[in-house]
């Protein structure tokens, strides 16, 4: 049996994480709207959460497709990684926003104008979080290395103390 490639599963995981965040945000946004306007809270929250999940799916699927296309065209060029991320999120905002705008209000341009800046903001936040994560991993590895060095120094000092104590005991026994 042929399995699904790991890269495809990673992309699905990437999309599902963002859609889940969007859906949970929609629950709280729906509760706020329902409270403000006097609508039933549960029904409004679930409706807004479903809308957020659908628009998130439309935007992030097109974003991931654009990123994969840009990556395959540029042959893994890591020099322009920031540009690829921002460009793919822009394309996701344009395509996903246009689709969502058309489906919800029959106005695709309005959806594009709404979701493109949102997706670019998401790209900037994702890059900052990724930079923080990489820096934190680097710090943890440096701490681990320094701790291992400190442990080895402590072990050497302990061995030296033990050997000097043994020598002192031998000198006292000789006297």
Protein backbone atom coordinates (compact mmCIF):
# COMPACT_ATOMS: atom_id res chain seq x y z
CA UNK A 1 0.00 0.00 0.00
CA UNK A 2 1.33 3.40 -0.97
CA UNK A 3 1.33 5.95 1.85
CA UNK A 4 0.84 9.68 1.71
CA UNK A 5 4.18 11.52 1.43
CA UNK A 6 5.37 13.27 4.57
CA UNK A 7 5.55 16.63 2.78
CA UNK A 8 1.84 16.45 1.93
CA UNK A 9 0.98 15.58 5.52
CA UNK A 10 3.10 18.51 6.74
CA UNK A 11 1.21 20.89 4.45
CA UNK A 12 -2.14 19.54 5.61
CA UNK A 13 -1.02 19.97 9.21
CA UNK A 14 0.09 23.54 8.46
CA UNK A 15 -3.30 24.38 6.96
CA UNK A 16 -5.31 22.65 9.69
CA UNK A 17 -3.45 24.51 12.45
CA UNK A 18 -4.31 27.88 10.92
CA UNK A 19 -7.91 26.94 10.15
CA UNK A 20 -8.38 25.72 13.73
CA UNK A 21 -7.04 29.02 15.07
CA UNK A 22 -9.44 30.84 12.75
CA UNK A 23 -12.40 28.74 13.87
CA UNK A 24 -11.67 29.31 17.57
CA UNK A 25 -11.27 33.02 16.90
CA UNK A 26 -14.62 32.90 15.13
CA UNK A 27 -16.28 31.38 18.19
CA UNK A 28 -15.20 34.30 20.37
CA UNK A 29 -15.91 36.86 17.65
CA UNK A 30 -19.38 35.35 17.17
CA UNK A 31 -20.06 35.50 20.90
CA UNK A 32 -19.04 39.16 20.95
CA UNK A 33 -21.25 39.96 17.96
CA UNK A 34 -24.18 38.06 19.45
CA UNK A 35 -23.83 39.84 22.77
CA UNK A 36 -23.57 43.24 21.13
CA UNK A 37 -26.52 42.76 18.78
CA UNK A 38 -28.72 40.64 21.02
CA UNK A 39 -28.60 37.51 18.86
CA UNK A 40 -28.59 33.94 20.21
CA UNK A 41 -25.01 33.41 21.37
CA UNK A 42 -24.48 29.73 20.54
CA UNK A 43 -25.97 29.86 17.06
CA UNK A 44 -24.14 33.06 16.16
CA UNK A 45 -20.84 31.79 17.56
CA UNK A 46 -21.04 28.55 15.60
CA UNK A 47 -22.08 30.37 12.43
CA UNK A 48 -19.19 32.83 12.64
CA UNK A 49 -16.77 30.01 13.52
CA UNK A 50 -17.87 28.07 10.44
CA UNK A 51 -17.46 31.17 8.27
CA UNK A 52 -13.99 31.81 9.67
CA UNK A 53 -13.02 28.19 9.11
CA UNK A 54 -14.26 28.27 5.50
CA UNK A 55 -12.50 31.53 4.65
CA UNK A 56 -9.35 30.33 6.42
CA UNK A 57 -9.44 27.12 4.42
CA UNK A 58 -9.85 29.02 1.15
CA UNK A 59 -7.03 31.44 1.97
CA UNK A 60 -4.56 28.95 3.42
CA UNK A 61 -5.03 26.25 0.78
CA UNK A 62 -4.28 28.77 -1.96
CA UNK A 63 -1.39 30.15 0.11
CA UNK A 64 0.18 26.69 0.52
CA UNK A 65 -0.32 25.95 -3.20
CA UNK A 66 1.33 29.27 -4.10
CA UNK A 67 4.21 28.62 -1.70
CA UNK A 68 4.80 25.14 -3.13
CA UNK A 69 4.76 26.57 -6.65
CA UNK A 70 7.15 29.40 -5.77
CA UNK A 71 9.47 26.96 -4.00
CA UNK A 72 9.55 24.58 -6.95
CA UNK A 73 10.19 27.44 -9.39
CA UNK A 74 13.05 28.93 -7.37
CA UNK A 75 14.62 25.52 -6.62
CA UNK A 76 14.77 25.87 -2.82
CA UNK A 77 16.40 29.33 -2.94
CA UNK A 78 16.64 30.20 0.75
CA UNK A 79 17.91 33.70 0.01
CA UNK A 80 14.42 34.90 -0.99
CA UNK A 81 12.50 32.98 1.69
CA UNK A 82 10.91 36.14 3.11
CA UNK A 83 9.75 37.22 -0.32
CA UNK A 84 8.30 33.76 -1.05
CA UNK A 85 6.38 33.72 2.24
CA UNK A 86 4.94 37.22 1.75
CA UNK A 87 4.14 36.58 -1.92
CA UNK A 88 2.42 33.26 -1.20
CA UNK A 89 0.34 34.82 1.58
CA UNK A 90 -0.58 37.69 -0.76
CA UNK A 91 -1.70 35.22 -3.41
CA UNK A 92 -3.64 33.32 -0.73
CA UNK A 93 -5.36 36.55 0.33
CA UNK A 94 -6.20 37.46 -3.27
CA UNK A 95 -7.48 34.04 -4.36
CA UNK A 96 -9.03 32.89 -1.08
CA UNK A 97 -10.41 36.34 -0.35
CA UNK A 98 -11.87 36.60 -3.84
CA UNK A 99 -13.50 33.20 -3.50
CA UNK A 100 -14.87 33.98 -0.05
CA UNK A 101 -16.07 37.42 -1.12
CA UNK A 102 -17.90 35.90 -4.05
CA UNK A 103 -19.47 33.08 -2.05
CA UNK A 104 -20.61 35.22 0.87
CA UNK A 105 -21.54 38.55 -0.77
CA UNK A 106 -21.15 38.10 -4.55
CA UNK A 107 -18.36 40.71 -4.37
CA UNK A 108 -14.97 39.05 -4.97
CA UNK A 109 -13.01 42.32 -5.07
CA UNK A 110 -14.22 43.24 -1.58
CA UNK A 111 -13.02 39.86 -0.31
CA UNK A 112 -9.65 40.38 -1.95
CA UNK A 113 -9.30 43.82 -0.38
CA UNK A 114 -10.20 42.45 3.05
CA UNK A 115 -8.19 39.23 3.12
CA UNK A 116 -4.96 40.26 1.36
CA UNK A 117 -3.79 42.59 4.18
CA UNK A 118 -4.91 40.02 6.74
CA UNK A 119 -2.88 37.29 5.04
CA UNK A 120 0.17 39.55 4.73
CA UNK A 121 -0.13 40.27 8.46
CA UNK A 122 -0.31 36.53 9.12
CA UNK A 123 2.86 36.08 7.05
CA UNK A 124 4.71 38.67 9.10
CA UNK A 125 3.56 37.10 12.37
CA UNK A 126 4.54 33.61 11.15
CA UNK A 127 8.01 34.86 10.21
CA UNK A 128 8.47 36.51 13.61
CA UNK A 129 7.33 33.38 15.43
CA UNK A 130 9.63 31.24 13.30
CA UNK A 131 12.59 33.55 14.00
CA UNK A 132 11.81 33.46 17.72
CA UNK A 133 11.54 29.66 17.64
CA UNK A 134 14.89 29.32 15.87
CA UNK A 135 16.57 31.72 18.29
CA UNK A 136 15.10 29.89 21.28
CA UNK A 137 16.30 26.52 19.96
CA UNK A 138 19.76 28.01 19.43
CA UNK A 139 19.76 29.35 23.02
CA UNK A 140 18.62 26.01 24.42
CA UNK A 141 21.35 24.17 22.52
CA UNK A 142 23.95 26.67 23.74
CA UNK A 143 22.69 26.27 27.32
CA UNK A 144 22.85 22.51 26.99
CA UNK A 145 26.38 22.67 25.62
CA UNK A 146 27.50 25.02 28.40
CA UNK A 147 25.83 22.78 30.99
CA UNK A 148 27.65 19.77 29.58
CA UNK A 149 30.90 21.75 29.74
CA UNK A 150 30.12 22.79 33.31
CA UNK A 151 29.30 19.18 34.23
CA UNK A 152 32.58 17.97 32.76
CA UNK A 153 34.50 20.69 34.63
CA UNK A 154 32.73 19.79 37.87
CA UNK A 155 33.52 16.12 37.27
CA UNK A 156 37.21 16.91 36.69
CA UNK A 157 37.34 19.04 39.84
CA UNK A 158 35.71 16.23 41.78
CA UNK A 159 38.24 13.72 40.43
CA UNK A 160 41.09 16.06 41.32
CA UNK A 161 39.74 16.46 44.87
CA UNK A 162 39.40 12.70 45.20
CA UNK A 163 42.94 12.09 43.98
CA UNK A 164 44.39 14.79 46.27
CA UNK A 165 42.47 13.34 49.21
CA UNK A 166 43.81 9.90 48.39
CA UNK A 167 47.39 11.27 48.20
CA UNK A 168 46.94 13.05 51.54
CA UNK A 169 45.70 9.83 53.12
CA UNK A 170 48.68 7.94 51.70
CA UNK A 171 51.13 10.54 53.12
CA UNK A 172 49.49 10.33 56.54
CA UNK A 173 49.65 6.53 56.49
CA UNK A 174 53.35 6.65 55.59
CA UNK A 175 54.11 8.86 58.58
